[in-house]
Amino acid sequence: MGDLSRDGKLKERADKLESELSEKEVFTELIKSKEQAIGELNEKKTDLETQIEELKSTIETQKKNLAAKDAYREAEIAEMESYYTGEVEKYQDQVRATM
């Protein structure tokens, strides 16, 4: 009878170890899956950071282009104002000369 009890305990221990091993395998697979998901998220993060930097660069380029266009337009306006101010002065001088 002692052998049966001992065999029962050994069987019980073996079943418990098998169950724990199976549980460990499940957790190992879960960890692998989570690590893979983390890796994919890190790749996405890196891609998004790259896109952000590219967009920031594009924004800076556009700001510089707009500033250059604004400066050009301001120069054109100043030139026109100068021209028309000169024309007005010419006409004023002509009007004064005829009076």
C-alpha atoms as a PDB file:
ATOM      1  CA  MET A   1       0.000   0.000   0.000  1.00  0.00           C
ATOM      2  CA  GLY A   2       2.905   2.309   0.701  1.00  0.00           C
ATOM      3  CA  ASP A   3       3.965   1.997  -2.913  1.00  0.00           C
ATOM      4  CA  LEU A   4       0.524   2.961  -4.211  1.00  0.00           C
ATOM      5  CA  SER A   5       0.445   6.028  -2.011  1.00  0.00           C
ATOM      6  CA  ARG A   6       3.954   6.907  -3.122  1.00  0.00           C
ATOM      7  CA  ASP A   7       3.033   6.316  -6.767  1.00  0.00           C
ATOM      8  CA  GLY A   8      -0.061   8.483  -6.297  1.00  0.00           C
ATOM      9  CA  LYS A   9       2.015  11.294  -4.823  1.00  0.00           C
ATOM     10  CA  LEU A  10       4.556  10.988  -7.636  1.00  0.00           C
ATOM     11  CA  LYS A  11       1.768  11.022 -10.207  1.00  0.00           C
ATOM     12  CA  GLU A  12       0.249  14.045  -8.484  1.00  0.00           C
ATOM     13  CA  ARG A  13       3.616  15.828  -8.515  1.00  0.00           C
ATOM     14  CA  ALA A  14       4.202  14.891 -12.149  1.00  0.00           C
ATOM     15  CA  ASP A  15       0.754  16.214 -13.078  1.00  0.00           C
ATOM     16  CA  LYS A  16       1.436  19.415 -11.150  1.00  0.00           C
ATOM     17  CA  LEU A  17       4.828  19.856 -12.849  1.00  0.00           C
ATOM     18  CA  GLU A  18       3.272  19.179 -16.243  1.00  0.00           C
ATOM     19  CA  SER A  19       0.573  21.733 -15.531  1.00  0.00           C
ATOM     20  CA  GLU A  20       3.166  24.300 -14.410  1.00  0.00           C
ATOM     21  CA  LEU A  21       5.273  23.594 -17.479  1.00  0.00           C
ATOM     22  CA  SER A  22       2.247  24.032 -19.711  1.00  0.00           C
ATOM     23  CA  GLU A  23       1.424  27.298 -17.923  1.00  0.00           C
ATOM     24  CA  LYS A  24       5.040  28.426 -18.345  1.00  0.00           C
ATOM     25  CA  GLU A  25       4.843  27.704 -22.084  1.00  0.00           C
ATOM     26  CA  VAL A  26       1.627  29.738 -22.331  1.00  0.00           C
ATOM     27  CA  PHE A  27       3.274  32.665 -20.520  1.00  0.00           C
ATOM     28  CA  THR A  28       6.422  32.322 -22.628  1.00  0.00           C
ATOM     29  CA  GLU A  29       4.345  32.557 -25.812  1.00  0.00           C
ATOM     30  CA  LEU A  30       2.443  35.513 -24.346  1.00  0.00           C
ATOM     31  CA  ILE A  31       5.717  37.272 -23.523  1.00  0.00           C
ATOM     32  CA  LYS A  32       7.021  36.613 -27.055  1.00  0.00           C
ATOM     33  CA  SER A  33       3.806  37.997 -28.495  1.00  0.00           C
ATOM     34  CA  LYS A  34       4.007  41.112 -26.296  1.00  0.00           C
ATOM     35  CA  GLU A  35       7.687  41.611 -27.166  1.00  0.00           C
ATOM     36  CA  GLN A  36       6.807  41.397 -30.863  1.00  0.00           C
ATOM     37  CA  ALA A  37       4.000  43.924 -30.365  1.00  0.00           C
ATOM     38  CA  ILE A  38       6.415  46.230 -28.521  1.00  0.00           C
ATOM     39  CA  GLY A  39       8.902  45.880 -31.382  1.00  0.00           C
ATOM     40  CA  GLU A  40       6.220  46.770 -33.926  1.00  0.00           C
ATOM     41  CA  LEU A  41       5.113  49.761 -31.834  1.00  0.00           C
ATOM     42  CA  ASN A  42       8.708  50.939 -31.528  1.00  0.00           C
ATOM     43  CA  GLU A  43       9.055  50.729 -35.319  1.00  0.00           C
ATOM     44  CA  LYS A  44       5.845  52.743 -35.748  1.00  0.00           C
ATOM     45  CA  LYS A  45       7.118  55.272 -33.204  1.00  0.00           C
ATOM     46  CA  THR A  46      10.377  55.629 -35.116  1.00  0.00           C
ATOM     47  CA  ASP A  47       8.484  56.016 -38.406  1.00  0.00           C
ATOM     48  CA  LEU A  48       6.214  58.661 -36.879  1.00  0.00           C
ATOM     49  CA  GLU A  49       9.168  60.535 -35.395  1.00  0.00           C
ATOM     50  CA  THR A  50      10.798  60.538 -38.840  1.00  0.00           C
ATOM     51  CA  GLN A  51       7.580  61.837 -40.412  1.00  0.00           C
ATOM     52  CA  ILE A  52       7.346  64.549 -37.749  1.00  0.00           C
ATOM     53  CA  GLU A  53      10.897  65.684 -38.468  1.00  0.00           C
ATOM     54  CA  GLU A  54      10.184  65.713 -42.216  1.00  0.00           C
ATOM     55  CA  LEU A  55       7.026  67.772 -41.636  1.00  0.00           C
ATOM     56  CA  LYS A  56       8.904  70.199 -39.387  1.00  0.00           C
ATOM     57  CA  SER A  57      11.508  70.610 -42.109  1.00  0.00           C
ATOM     58  CA  THR A  58       8.800  71.188 -44.723  1.00  0.00           C
ATOM     59  CA  ILE A  59       7.136  73.776 -42.482  1.00  0.00           C
ATOM     60  CA  GLU A  60      10.421  75.621 -41.998  1.00  0.00           C
ATOM     61  CA  THR A  61      11.063  75.595 -45.751  1.00  0.00           C
ATOM     62  CA  GLN A  62       7.553  76.928 -46.412  1.00  0.00           C
ATOM     63  CA  LYS A  63       8.014  79.659 -43.790  1.00  0.00           C
ATOM     64  CA  LYS A  64      11.261  80.723 -45.464  1.00  0.00           C
ATOM     65  CA  ASN A  65       9.590  80.703 -48.884  1.00  0.00           C
ATOM     66  CA  LEU A  66       6.704  82.797 -47.597  1.00  0.00           C
ATOM     67  CA  ALA A  67       9.070  85.231 -45.911  1.00  0.00           C
ATOM     68  CA  ALA A  68      11.009  85.591 -49.170  1.00  0.00           C
ATOM     69  CA  LYS A  69       7.773  86.153 -51.131  1.00  0.00           C
ATOM     70  CA  ASP A  70       6.622  88.715 -48.561  1.00  0.00           C
ATOM     71  CA  ALA A  71       9.932  90.558 -48.794  1.00  0.00           C
ATOM     72  CA  TYR A  72       9.699  90.529 -52.613  1.00  0.00           C
ATOM     73  CA  ARG A  73       6.119  91.870 -52.534  1.00  0.00           C
ATOM     74  CA  GLU A  74       7.070  94.542 -50.025  1.00  0.00           C
ATOM     75  CA  ALA A  75       9.919  95.595 -52.298  1.00  0.00           C
ATOM     76  CA  GLU A  76       7.534  95.709 -55.280  1.00  0.00           C
ATOM     77  CA  ILE A  77       5.037  97.784 -53.300  1.00  0.00           C
ATOM     78  CA  ALA A  78       7.761 100.179 -52.176  1.00  0.00           C
ATOM     79  CA  GLU A  79       8.943 100.498 -55.787  1.00  0.00           C
ATOM     80  CA  MET A  80       5.394 101.184 -56.991  1.00  0.00           C
ATOM     81  CA  GLU A  81       4.809 103.708 -54.218  1.00  0.00           C
ATOM     82  CA  SER A  82       8.042 105.441 -55.099  1.00  0.00           C
ATOM     83  CA  TYR A  83       7.171 105.476 -58.812  1.00  0.00           C
ATOM     84  CA  TYR A  84       3.638 106.765 -58.308  1.00  0.00           C
ATOM     85  CA  THR A  85       4.772 109.317 -55.733  1.00  0.00           C
ATOM     86  CA  GLY A  86       7.252 110.567 -58.343  1.00  0.00           C
ATOM     87  CA  GLU A  87       4.528 110.672 -61.005  1.00  0.00           C
ATOM     88  CA  VAL A  88       2.206 112.585 -58.694  1.00  0.00           C
ATOM     89  CA  GLU A  89       4.994 115.064 -57.963  1.00  0.00           C
ATOM     90  CA  LYS A  90       5.620 115.498 -61.715  1.00  0.00           C
ATOM     91  CA  TYR A  91       1.949 116.258 -62.334  1.00  0.00           C
ATOM     92  CA  GLN A  92       1.869 118.606 -59.377  1.00  0.00           C
ATOM     93  CA  ASP A  93       4.937 120.390 -60.748  1.00  0.00           C
ATOM     94  CA  GLN A  94       3.261 120.618 -64.199  1.00  0.00           C
ATOM     95  CA  VAL A  95       0.083 121.996 -62.651  1.00  0.00           C
ATOM     96  CA  ARG A  96       2.083 124.568 -60.687  1.00  0.00           C
ATOM     97  CA  ALA A  97       4.056 125.534 -63.787  1.00  0.00           C
ATOM     98  CA  THR A  98       0.891 126.190 -65.762  1.00  0.00           C
ATOM     99  CA  MET A  99      -0.601 128.387 -63.074  1.00  0.00           C
END
